[in-house]
N, C-alpha and C. Protein backbone atom coordinates (compact mmCIF):
# COMPACT_ATOMS: atom_id res chain seq x y z
N UNK A 1 0.87 -1.17 0.10
CA UNK A 1 0.03 0.07 0.04
C UNK A 1 0.86 1.24 0.04
N UNK A 2 0.70 2.16 -0.89
CA UNK A 2 1.40 3.27 -1.14
C UNK A 2 0.69 4.52 -0.30
N UNK A 3 1.69 5.13 0.78
CA UNK A 3 1.18 6.19 1.27
C UNK A 3 1.36 7.60 0.31
N UNK A 4 0.32 7.71 -0.41
CA UNK A 4 0.32 9.05 -1.27
C UNK A 4 0.24 10.24 -0.81
N UNK A 5 0.85 11.35 -1.14
CA UNK A 5 0.45 12.54 -0.61
C UNK A 5 -0.87 13.00 -1.10
N UNK A 6 -1.67 14.00 -0.68
CA UNK A 6 -3.01 14.51 -0.97
C UNK A 6 -2.65 15.15 -2.37
N UNK A 7 -3.80 14.89 -3.23
CA UNK A 7 -3.62 15.48 -4.70
C UNK A 7 -3.31 16.92 -4.58
N UNK A 8 -3.75 17.64 -3.35
CA UNK A 8 -3.62 19.06 -3.26
C UNK A 8 -2.22 19.45 -2.93
N UNK A 9 -1.27 18.46 -2.85
CA UNK A 9 0.24 18.75 -2.54
C UNK A 9 0.63 19.49 -3.67
N UNK A 10 1.36 20.75 -3.30
CA UNK A 10 2.21 21.58 -4.37
C UNK A 10 3.10 20.71 -5.11
N UNK A 11 3.83 19.88 -4.68
CA UNK A 11 4.86 19.02 -5.42
C UNK A 11 3.89 18.11 -6.56
N UNK A 12 2.95 17.63 -6.20
CA UNK A 12 2.12 16.68 -7.17
C UNK A 12 1.41 17.74 -8.00
N UNK A 13 0.94 18.73 -7.48
CA UNK A 13 0.28 19.73 -8.60
C UNK A 13 1.26 20.37 -9.57
N UNK A 14 2.45 20.53 -9.40
CA UNK A 14 3.51 21.10 -10.35
C UNK A 14 3.69 19.82 -11.25
N UNK A 15 3.92 18.54 -10.92
CA UNK A 15 3.94 17.44 -11.79
C UNK A 15 2.78 17.32 -12.69
N UNK A 16 1.62 17.30 -12.01
CA UNK A 16 0.30 17.30 -12.71
C UNK A 16 0.15 18.34 -13.81
N UNK A 17 0.49 19.61 -13.30
CA UNK A 17 0.36 20.65 -14.31
C UNK A 17 1.48 20.37 -15.69
N UNK A 18 2.54 20.06 -15.36
CA UNK A 18 3.43 19.67 -16.43
C UNK A 18 2.88 18.61 -17.47
N UNK A 19 2.50 17.62 -16.81
CA UNK A 19 2.12 16.36 -17.51
C UNK A 19 0.54 16.55 -18.25
N UNK A 20 -0.02 17.61 -17.88
CA UNK A 20 -1.40 17.93 -18.22
C UNK A 20 -1.35 18.11 -19.90
N UNK A 21 -0.45 18.44 -20.57
CA UNK A 21 -0.41 18.69 -21.86
C UNK A 21 -0.58 17.52 -22.74
N UNK A 22 -0.35 16.31 -22.06
CA UNK A 22 -0.51 14.81 -23.02
C UNK A 22 0.66 14.61 -23.56
N UNK A 23 1.67 15.28 -23.65
CA UNK A 23 3.05 14.85 -24.30
C UNK A 23 3.83 14.21 -23.45
N UNK A 24 4.87 13.60 -24.12
CA UNK A 24 5.77 12.81 -23.08
C UNK A 24 6.92 13.78 -22.60
N UNK A 25 7.14 13.68 -21.30
CA UNK A 25 8.32 14.52 -20.76
C UNK A 25 9.28 13.52 -20.15
N UNK A 26 10.58 13.95 -20.38
CA UNK A 26 11.80 12.95 -19.63
C UNK A 26 11.56 13.23 -17.93
N UNK A 27 12.36 12.21 -17.52
CA UNK A 27 12.56 12.49 -16.26
C UNK A 27 13.43 13.82 -15.75
N UNK A 28 14.38 14.06 -16.65
CA UNK A 28 15.16 15.32 -16.42
C UNK A 28 14.34 16.72 -16.73
N UNK A 29 13.50 16.56 -17.51
CA UNK A 29 12.41 17.65 -17.84
C UNK A 29 11.64 17.77 -16.76
N UNK A 30 11.14 16.74 -16.12
CA UNK A 30 10.15 16.76 -15.00
C UNK A 30 10.88 17.41 -13.70
N UNK A 31 12.12 16.96 -13.55
CA UNK A 31 12.93 17.41 -12.41
C UNK A 31 13.04 18.96 -12.65
N UNK A 32 13.47 19.36 -13.66
CA UNK A 32 13.94 20.89 -13.89
C UNK A 32 12.65 21.72 -13.86
N UNK A 33 11.52 21.33 -14.41
CA UNK A 33 10.33 22.05 -14.77
C UNK A 33 9.37 22.22 -13.63
N UNK A 34 9.42 20.95 -13.03
CA UNK A 34 8.28 20.72 -11.83
C UNK A 34 9.10 20.87 -10.37
N UNK A 35 10.40 21.01 -10.69
CA UNK A 35 11.08 21.10 -9.25
C UNK A 35 10.87 20.08 -8.35
N UNK A 36 10.96 18.81 -8.84
CA UNK A 36 10.75 17.44 -7.88
C UNK A 36 12.07 16.74 -8.22
N UNK A 37 12.48 15.91 -7.12
CA UNK A 37 13.58 14.99 -7.15
C UNK A 37 13.10 13.40 -7.54
N UNK A 38 12.15 13.12 -6.86
CA UNK A 38 11.64 11.66 -6.99
C UNK A 38 10.67 11.48 -7.89
N UNK A 39 10.84 11.56 -9.16
CA UNK A 39 9.93 11.75 -10.17
C UNK A 39 9.14 10.34 -10.05
N UNK A 40 9.94 9.38 -9.98
CA UNK A 40 9.07 7.96 -9.99
C UNK A 40 8.20 7.77 -8.97
N UNK A 41 8.33 8.56 -7.85
CA UNK A 41 7.56 8.45 -6.62
C UNK A 41 6.45 9.31 -6.81
N UNK A 42 6.56 10.44 -7.64
CA UNK A 42 5.47 11.42 -7.97
C UNK A 42 4.36 10.73 -8.72
N UNK A 43 5.14 10.11 -9.83
CA UNK A 43 4.40 9.28 -10.84
C UNK A 43 3.37 8.28 -10.23
N UNK A 44 4.11 7.47 -9.15
CA UNK A 44 3.36 6.53 -8.26
C UNK A 44 2.03 7.14 -7.61
N UNK A 45 2.50 8.23 -7.05
CA UNK A 45 1.19 8.96 -6.30
C UNK A 45 0.31 9.51 -7.14
N UNK A 46 0.51 9.91 -8.32
CA UNK A 46 -0.55 10.32 -9.36
C UNK A 46 -1.37 9.32 -9.75
N UNK A 47 -0.50 8.20 -9.90
CA UNK A 47 -1.53 6.91 -10.54
C UNK A 47 -2.25 6.37 -9.26
N UNK A 48 -1.96 6.41 -8.02
CA UNK A 48 -2.69 6.11 -6.75
C UNK A 48 -4.08 6.98 -6.85
N UNK A 49 -3.96 8.12 -7.30
CA UNK A 49 -5.07 9.05 -7.30
C UNK A 49 -5.98 8.93 -8.61
N UNK A 50 -5.54 7.93 -9.33
CA UNK A 50 -6.39 7.68 -10.65
C UNK A 50 -5.79 8.28 -12.07
N UNK A 51 -4.52 8.73 -11.88
CA UNK A 51 -3.91 9.17 -13.20
C UNK A 51 -3.51 8.02 -13.96
N UNK A 52 -3.69 8.15 -15.24
CA UNK A 52 -3.00 6.99 -16.19
C UNK A 52 -1.87 7.59 -16.89
N UNK A 53 -0.63 7.11 -16.53
CA UNK A 53 0.56 7.83 -17.15
C UNK A 53 1.41 6.66 -17.43
N UNK A 54 1.81 6.65 -18.77
CA UNK A 54 2.64 5.72 -19.33
C UNK A 54 4.14 5.96 -19.25
N UNK A 55 4.79 5.02 -19.25
CA UNK A 55 6.38 5.31 -19.08
C UNK A 55 7.12 4.70 -20.35
N UNK A 56 7.82 5.22 -21.25
CA UNK A 56 8.67 4.70 -22.13
C UNK A 56 10.22 4.80 -21.95
N UNK A 57 10.64 4.09 -22.55
CA UNK A 57 12.24 4.38 -22.62
C UNK A 57 13.04 4.31 -23.85
N UNK A 58 13.89 5.04 -24.06
CA UNK A 58 14.56 5.31 -25.41
C UNK A 58 16.11 5.17 -25.00
N UNK A 59 16.77 4.35 -26.01
CA UNK A 59 18.37 4.40 -25.55
C UNK A 59 18.91 5.44 -26.75
N UNK A 60 19.66 6.04 -25.91
CA UNK A 60 20.44 7.49 -26.71
C UNK A 60 21.97 7.07 -26.42
N UNK A 61 22.50 6.62 -27.58
CA UNK A 61 23.96 6.44 -27.18
C UNK A 61 24.01 5.11 -26.33
N UNK A 62 24.63 5.50 -25.24
CA UNK A 62 24.78 4.07 -24.20
C UNK A 62 23.82 4.36 -22.77
N UNK A 63 22.90 5.42 -23.10
CA UNK A 63 22.17 5.64 -21.89
C UNK A 63 20.74 5.50 -22.26
N UNK A 64 19.96 5.17 -21.19
CA UNK A 64 18.30 5.22 -21.48
C UNK A 64 17.94 6.61 -20.75
N UNK A 65 16.84 6.81 -21.46
CA UNK A 65 16.03 8.02 -21.19
C UNK A 65 14.56 7.55 -21.00
N UNK A 66 14.05 8.18 -19.83
CA UNK A 66 12.82 7.45 -19.60
C UNK A 66 11.71 8.88 -19.70
N UNK A 67 10.74 8.50 -20.46
CA UNK A 67 9.55 9.38 -20.71
C UNK A 67 8.47 9.27 -20.09
N UNK A 68 7.55 10.10 -19.54
CA UNK A 68 6.27 9.90 -18.90
C UNK A 68 5.31 10.80 -19.74
N UNK A 69 4.20 10.08 -19.84
CA UNK A 69 2.89 10.66 -20.60
C UNK A 69 1.74 10.41 -19.87
N UNK A 70 1.07 11.53 -19.41
CA UNK A 70 -0.51 11.21 -18.71
C UNK A 70 -1.49 11.24 -19.93
N UNK A 71 -2.16 9.91 -19.97
CA UNK A 71 -3.12 9.80 -20.85
C UNK A 71 -4.65 10.30 -20.24
N UNK A 72 -4.64 10.14 -19.06
CA UNK A 72 -5.80 10.39 -18.04
C UNK A 72 -5.40 11.07 -16.82
N UNK A 73 -6.08 12.15 -16.64
CA UNK A 73 -5.92 13.06 -15.33
C UNK A 73 -6.59 12.37 -14.31
N UNK A 74 -6.06 12.49 -13.06
CA UNK A 74 -6.97 12.12 -11.91
C UNK A 74 -8.15 12.73 -11.73
N UNK A 75 -9.21 12.27 -11.04
CA UNK A 75 -10.33 13.07 -10.74
C UNK A 75 -9.91 13.88 -9.62
N UNK A 76 -10.28 15.17 -9.85
CA UNK A 76 -10.15 16.05 -8.67
C UNK A 76 -11.41 16.47 -7.49
């Protein structure tokens, strides 16, 4: 069982606002634009509240880049 922050949390609201455009955003982009560090935890918390967020990875050179895309927002 996850101990998710309330959906009204400023941290979750910043990530939600960024992902609300329906486009993929890299982990680095989310860290910088939403000013959060534990992106995977934020994504898990938003999913707990009903958001549908996909995760994809792309290999660039010898590194993996993860992107998150929200296809359905949580009910507020």
